[in-house]
Amino acid sequence: MGKLDLTVDIGGIKLKNPVMTASGTFGYAEEFKNLIDLNKLGAIIAKGLSLEPSYGNPPPRIVETPCGMLNAIGLENIGFEAFVKKKIPFLKTLDTPVFTNIYGQRVDEYAKLASRIDTVEEIAGIEINISCPNVKAGGIAFGVNPDLAFNVVQSVRKETSKPLMVKLSPNVTDVTVIAEAVEQAGADSVSLINTITGMAIDIDSRRSRLANITGGLSGPAIKPVALRMVWQVAQKIKIPVIGIGGIMTAEDAIEFLIAGASAVQVGTANFVNPASSIEIIGGIETFLLKKGVESIKDIIGTFVC
């Protein structure tokens, strides 16, 4: 058996392996530099970024659940200018592609931010978060309406030549409709799923355990839902699919690959074990060796109905 080939192509970006870190769970990567070898990762998705700094939601913003966590951080971030000045100097030293996750409350905000990121050569690609409320449409999230999703992606596509990954919301009736819309708008790949809306109540005070009342549920609890959605989307579109949702082990990641994902993102697991992504890469290698498979591509999309 020859050398294992773990490489995958995501929208024109060649990754050394299919394991990425999910936005919002890995900071700006520098926070993990003394914990793991960042150059062993397939890709890093930096913390969500907006044009201007955002303080996010008031605390409490995180609640642990029996099988994961609820978060209502509110996309707190330092804004584009500070990101370029303070974070890019470290990120450019890495031998790992870095995507930046972007969001806005209006289509023009997404477009303007994409235009600025297009000039930052150290950023390999953009992940578009369309789970944000559109203030011009009464607060409806861009990602729950195919027309709104199309408009956002199309506006960003016009402003950058960088590969675009669109992060899909699970809080929809049919996620494949949204996936097809963003593919038509110019997306190079899609990532799914984002968190599922949930809440938790303090029975003594009878109030929400989150200041925001509701938050996004992530972790092992959502894995079956995420796996099902990834499988559905992979059958409907031609661009690569990146699986997210409750991936804690190599076995979890391999399930997503078999379901049709070309790569995966590790999120909540980073809070439990900072080395989880590296361990998952090693576990995938062990699996391929055990099965006598030389290329990761030979297991992608091999689910048998």
Protein backbone atom coordinates (compact mmCIF):
# COMPACT_ATOMS: atom_id res chain seq x y z
CA MET A 1 0.00 0.00 0.00
CA GLY A 2 1.33 3.42 -0.97
CA LYS A 3 1.35 6.65 0.98
CA LEU A 4 -2.02 7.76 2.32
CA ASP A 5 -3.61 10.62 0.40
CA LEU A 6 -5.73 12.75 2.73
CA THR A 7 -5.86 15.78 0.43
CA VAL A 8 -9.16 17.29 -0.64
CA ASP A 9 -10.05 20.23 -2.87
CA ILE A 10 -12.50 22.76 -1.50
CA GLY A 11 -13.45 25.35 -4.07
CA GLY A 12 -9.99 25.39 -5.60
CA ILE A 13 -8.12 25.33 -2.29
CA LYS A 14 -6.14 22.13 -1.72
CA LEU A 15 -6.22 21.02 1.90
CA LYS A 16 -3.64 18.58 3.28
CA ASN A 17 -6.48 16.74 5.04
CA PRO A 18 -10.27 17.17 5.38
CA VAL A 19 -10.34 18.45 8.97
CA MET A 20 -11.09 22.12 9.59
CA THR A 21 -11.79 24.04 12.79
CA ALA A 22 -15.23 25.65 12.97
CA SER A 23 -15.69 29.39 13.22
CA GLY A 24 -16.39 30.70 16.70
CA THR A 25 -14.85 27.70 18.43
CA PHE A 26 -11.19 28.29 17.64
CA GLY A 27 -10.80 32.03 18.12
CA TYR A 28 -8.22 33.45 15.73
CA ALA A 29 -6.06 30.27 16.00
CA GLU A 30 -3.28 32.00 17.93
CA GLU A 31 -5.05 31.01 21.15
CA PHE A 32 -4.23 27.36 20.34
CA LYS A 33 -0.61 27.80 19.21
CA ASN A 34 0.84 26.32 22.42
CA LEU A 35 -1.67 23.47 22.51
CA ILE A 36 -1.48 21.89 19.05
CA ASP A 37 0.52 22.05 15.83
CA LEU A 38 -1.67 24.36 13.76
CA ASN A 39 0.16 23.36 10.58
CA LYS A 40 -1.29 19.85 10.79
CA LEU A 41 -4.85 21.12 10.30
CA GLY A 42 -6.59 20.99 6.95
CA ALA A 43 -7.86 24.55 7.33
CA ILE A 44 -8.76 27.11 9.97
CA ILE A 45 -12.03 29.05 9.94
CA ALA A 46 -11.44 32.23 11.94
CA LYS A 47 -13.97 33.74 14.33
CA GLY A 48 -16.93 35.49 12.69
CA LEU A 49 -16.00 38.93 11.37
CA SER A 50 -18.00 42.09 10.72
CA LEU A 51 -17.05 45.46 9.25
CA GLU A 52 -17.10 47.18 12.63
CA PRO A 53 -16.30 45.76 16.09
CA SER A 54 -19.18 44.06 17.87
CA TYR A 55 -19.61 43.48 21.61
CA GLY A 56 -22.10 40.69 21.07
CA ASN A 57 -24.83 39.80 23.54
CA PRO A 58 -24.77 40.45 27.29
CA PRO A 59 -23.88 37.54 29.61
CA PRO A 60 -24.69 34.86 30.49
CA ARG A 61 -23.97 33.70 26.95
CA ILE A 62 -23.14 29.99 27.29
CA VAL A 63 -25.05 27.15 28.90
CA GLU A 64 -23.88 23.55 29.03
CA THR A 65 -26.47 20.95 28.02
CA PRO A 66 -26.51 17.18 28.62
CA CYS A 67 -25.15 16.54 25.11
CA GLY A 68 -23.53 19.78 24.05
CA MET A 69 -23.97 23.49 24.68
CA LEU A 70 -26.14 26.51 23.97
CA ASN A 71 -24.40 29.72 23.00
CA ALA A 72 -25.67 33.24 22.43
CA ILE A 73 -22.35 35.02 22.01
CA GLY A 74 -23.88 37.32 19.42
CA LEU A 75 -20.87 37.18 17.05
CA GLU A 76 -18.63 39.34 19.21
CA ASN A 77 -15.51 40.30 17.25
CA ILE A 78 -12.84 42.97 16.85
CA GLY A 79 -13.92 44.18 13.40
CA PHE A 80 -12.14 44.11 10.05
CA GLU A 81 -9.48 46.79 10.64
CA ALA A 82 -8.30 45.32 13.95
CA PHE A 83 -8.39 41.81 12.46
CA VAL A 84 -5.99 42.81 9.69
CA LYS A 85 -3.72 44.72 12.04
CA LYS A 86 -3.65 42.36 15.02
CA LYS A 87 -4.48 38.87 13.75
CA ILE A 88 -3.17 38.57 10.19
CA PRO A 89 0.52 38.90 11.24
CA PHE A 90 0.26 35.58 13.12
CA LEU A 91 -2.05 33.83 10.66
CA LYS A 92 0.28 34.50 7.74
CA THR A 93 3.03 32.50 9.46
CA LEU A 94 0.97 29.31 9.21
CA ASP A 95 1.21 26.64 6.55
CA THR A 96 -2.54 26.08 6.80
CA PRO A 97 -5.20 27.82 4.69
CA VAL A 98 -7.25 30.33 6.67
CA PHE A 99 -10.84 31.18 5.88
CA THR A 100 -12.56 34.11 7.48
CA ASN A 101 -16.23 33.82 8.42
CA ILE A 102 -18.20 36.97 7.63
CA TYR A 103 -21.62 38.29 8.54
CA GLY A 104 -23.77 41.39 8.29
CA GLN A 105 -27.31 42.63 8.83
CA ARG A 106 -27.69 44.02 5.32
CA VAL A 107 -26.60 42.73 1.93
CA ASP A 108 -24.39 45.75 1.37
CA GLU A 109 -22.50 45.01 4.60
CA TYR A 110 -21.58 41.55 3.34
CA ALA A 111 -20.51 42.97 -0.01
CA LYS A 112 -18.38 45.75 1.45
CA LEU A 113 -16.63 43.39 3.85
CA ALA A 114 -15.96 40.87 1.07
CA SER A 115 -14.44 43.63 -1.04
CA ARG A 116 -12.01 44.52 1.73
CA ILE A 117 -11.10 40.91 2.46
CA ASP A 118 -10.38 40.40 -1.23
CA THR A 119 -7.29 42.60 -0.79
CA VAL A 120 -5.92 40.48 2.08
CA GLU A 121 -3.79 37.85 0.36
CA GLU A 122 -3.25 35.86 3.56
CA ILE A 123 -6.94 34.90 3.61
CA ALA A 124 -7.49 31.86 1.39
CA GLY A 125 -11.28 31.95 1.30
CA ILE A 126 -14.46 33.31 2.81
CA GLU A 127 -17.16 31.46 4.73
CA ILE A 128 -20.44 33.39 4.59
CA ASN A 129 -22.66 33.13 7.65
CA ILE A 130 -26.23 33.53 6.39
CA SER A 131 -27.88 32.73 9.73
CA CYS A 132 -27.93 36.44 10.60
CA PRO A 133 -31.08 38.62 10.73
CA ASN A 134 -31.75 40.86 7.73
CA VAL A 135 -32.78 44.19 9.24
CA LYS A 136 -34.36 45.29 5.96
CA ALA A 137 -36.59 42.19 5.91
CA GLY A 138 -38.00 42.52 9.41
CA GLY A 139 -35.29 40.44 11.07
CA ILE A 140 -35.76 37.25 9.06
CA ALA A 141 -32.49 35.31 8.77
CA PHE A 142 -30.90 35.38 5.31
CA GLY A 143 -30.41 31.65 5.45
CA VAL A 144 -34.06 30.63 5.80
CA ASN A 145 -35.19 32.19 2.54
CA PRO A 146 -33.69 31.03 -0.79
CA ASP A 147 -34.08 34.46 -2.41
CA LEU A 148 -32.37 36.27 0.47
CA ALA A 149 -29.61 33.65 0.56
CA PHE A 150 -29.11 33.99 -3.19
CA ASN A 151 -28.88 37.78 -2.95
CA VAL A 152 -26.25 37.72 -0.22
CA VAL A 153 -24.03 35.21 -1.98
CA GLN A 154 -24.40 36.92 -5.34
CA SER A 155 -23.45 40.28 -3.82
CA VAL A 156 -20.36 38.80 -2.20
CA ARG A 157 -19.43 36.91 -5.37
CA LYS A 158 -19.31 40.20 -7.29
CA GLU A 159 -16.81 41.67 -4.82
CA THR A 160 -14.22 38.91 -4.50
CA SER A 161 -12.41 36.26 -6.48
CA LYS A 162 -11.68 34.24 -3.35
CA PRO A 163 -13.41 30.86 -2.94
CA LEU A 164 -16.76 31.20 -1.18
CA MET A 165 -18.09 28.72 1.35
CA VAL A 166 -21.66 29.33 2.55
CA LYS A 167 -22.63 28.16 6.03
CA LEU A 168 -26.21 26.92 5.98
CA SER A 169 -28.80 27.19 8.74
CA PRO A 170 -30.62 24.03 9.87
CA ASN A 171 -33.62 26.08 10.99
CA VAL A 172 -35.43 25.57 7.69
CA THR A 173 -38.04 23.26 6.21
CA ASP A 174 -35.84 22.03 3.34
CA VAL A 175 -32.12 22.80 3.51
CA THR A 176 -31.55 21.52 -0.04
CA VAL A 177 -33.53 24.43 -1.48
CA ILE A 178 -31.17 26.91 0.21
CA ALA A 179 -28.13 24.90 -0.88
CA GLU A 180 -29.24 24.97 -4.51
CA ALA A 181 -29.90 28.71 -4.31
CA VAL A 182 -26.42 29.57 -3.04
CA GLU A 183 -24.82 27.23 -5.57
CA GLN A 184 -26.60 29.11 -8.35
CA ALA A 185 -25.47 32.41 -6.82
CA GLY A 186 -21.81 31.48 -7.13
CA ALA A 187 -20.86 29.58 -3.98
CA ASP A 188 -17.84 27.29 -4.35
CA SER A 189 -18.83 25.08 -1.40
CA VAL A 190 -21.34 24.89 1.44
CA SER A 191 -20.83 24.07 5.11
CA LEU A 192 -23.60 22.69 7.31
CA ILE A 193 -25.06 22.77 9.76
CA ASN A 194 -24.95 25.92 11.84
CA THR A 195 -26.45 25.64 15.33
CA ILE A 196 -30.06 24.71 16.03
CA THR A 197 -32.09 27.31 17.93
CA GLY A 198 -32.82 26.24 21.51
CA MET A 199 -33.27 27.52 25.06
CA ALA A 200 -32.79 26.59 28.71
CA ILE A 201 -34.76 27.73 31.79
CA ASP A 202 -33.61 28.19 35.38
CA ILE A 203 -36.47 26.57 37.32
CA ASP A 204 -35.80 28.61 40.49
CA SER A 205 -35.91 32.05 38.87
CA ARG A 206 -38.15 30.83 36.01
CA ARG A 207 -36.01 32.89 33.69
CA SER A 208 -33.88 31.96 30.71
CA ARG A 209 -30.38 30.76 31.52
CA LEU A 210 -29.22 32.91 28.59
CA ALA A 211 -29.57 36.69 28.65
CA ASN A 212 -30.60 36.48 24.99
CA ILE A 213 -33.31 33.91 25.93
CA THR A 214 -32.56 31.66 22.96
CA GLY A 215 -29.21 30.39 21.71
CA GLY A 216 -27.61 28.00 19.27
CA LEU A 217 -27.43 24.34 20.23
CA SER A 218 -24.23 22.53 19.19
CA GLY A 219 -22.41 19.35 20.12
CA PRO A 220 -23.23 15.62 19.94
CA ALA A 221 -26.98 16.25 20.34
CA ILE A 222 -27.25 17.71 16.84
CA LYS A 223 -25.05 15.20 15.00
CA PRO A 224 -27.87 12.97 13.67
CA VAL A 225 -29.69 16.03 12.30
CA ALA A 226 -26.51 17.40 10.75
CA LEU A 227 -25.61 14.05 9.20
CA ARG A 228 -29.04 13.75 7.61
CA MET A 229 -28.88 17.27 6.17
CA VAL A 230 -25.37 16.77 4.79
CA TRP A 231 -26.48 13.57 3.07
CA GLN A 232 -29.51 15.33 1.56
CA VAL A 233 -27.53 18.33 0.32
CA ALA A 234 -24.69 16.23 -1.11
CA GLN A 235 -27.18 14.53 -3.41
CA LYS A 236 -28.56 17.81 -4.73
CA ILE A 237 -25.56 20.01 -5.52
CA LYS A 238 -22.29 19.62 -7.42
CA ILE A 239 -20.04 21.83 -5.25
CA PRO A 240 -18.24 20.38 -2.20
CA VAL A 241 -20.11 19.94 1.07
CA ILE A 242 -18.41 20.43 4.45
CA GLY A 243 -20.04 18.63 7.36
CA ILE A 244 -20.46 20.27 10.78
CA GLY A 245 -22.34 19.20 13.88
CA GLY A 246 -21.31 17.17 16.89
CA ILE A 247 -18.09 15.82 15.43
CA MET A 248 -16.13 14.67 18.48
CA THR A 249 -14.21 11.66 17.15
CA ALA A 250 -12.71 10.29 13.95
CA GLU A 251 -15.68 7.94 13.66
CA ASP A 252 -18.03 10.94 13.65
CA ALA A 253 -15.99 12.63 10.92
CA ILE A 254 -15.89 9.47 8.80
CA GLU A 255 -19.69 9.19 8.98
CA PHE A 256 -19.97 12.65 7.43
CA LEU A 257 -17.46 11.80 4.72
CA ILE A 258 -19.34 8.61 3.84
CA ALA A 259 -22.57 10.63 3.76
CA GLY A 260 -21.07 12.86 1.05
CA ALA A 261 -19.05 15.56 2.81
CA SER A 262 -15.70 16.38 1.22
CA ALA A 263 -14.43 17.78 4.52
CA VAL A 264 -15.58 18.42 8.08
CA GLN A 265 -15.39 21.17 10.67
CA VAL A 266 -14.74 20.46 14.34
CA GLY A 267 -16.43 22.91 16.70
CA THR A 268 -17.74 22.19 20.19
CA ALA A 269 -15.14 19.43 20.64
CA ASN A 270 -12.47 22.16 20.79
CA PHE A 271 -13.87 23.31 24.13
CA VAL A 272 -13.70 19.80 25.58
CA ASN A 273 -10.35 18.81 24.10
CA PRO A 274 -8.19 21.41 22.28
CA ALA A 275 -6.38 18.58 20.49
CA SER A 276 -9.57 17.00 19.15
CA SER A 277 -8.98 18.08 15.54
CA ILE A 278 -5.47 16.62 15.48
CA GLU A 279 -6.71 13.39 17.06
CA ILE A 280 -9.49 13.15 14.48
CA ILE A 281 -6.94 13.46 11.65
CA GLY A 282 -4.94 10.63 13.19
CA GLY A 283 -8.07 8.52 13.61
CA ILE A 284 -8.99 8.96 9.96
CA GLU A 285 -5.52 7.81 8.95
CA THR A 286 -5.85 4.73 11.16
CA PHE A 287 -9.23 3.91 9.65
CA LEU A 288 -7.93 4.16 6.08
CA LEU A 289 -4.95 1.96 6.88
CA LYS A 290 -7.18 -0.61 8.55
CA LYS A 291 -9.50 -0.70 5.55
CA GLY A 292 -6.66 -0.75 3.01
CA VAL A 293 -7.84 2.52 1.44
CA GLU A 294 -5.11 4.77 0.04
CA SER A 295 -7.13 7.93 -0.64
CA ILE A 296 -9.69 9.74 1.48
CA LYS A 297 -11.56 10.43 -1.76
CA ASP A 298 -12.37 6.73 -2.01
CA ILE A 299 -14.71 6.87 0.99
CA ILE A 300 -16.39 10.22 0.30
CA GLY A 301 -20.02 9.76 -0.70
CA THR A 302 -19.97 5.97 -0.44
CA PHE A 303 -23.10 5.67 1.72
CA VAL A 304 -25.25 2.72 0.64
CA CYS A 305 -29.00 3.21 0.89
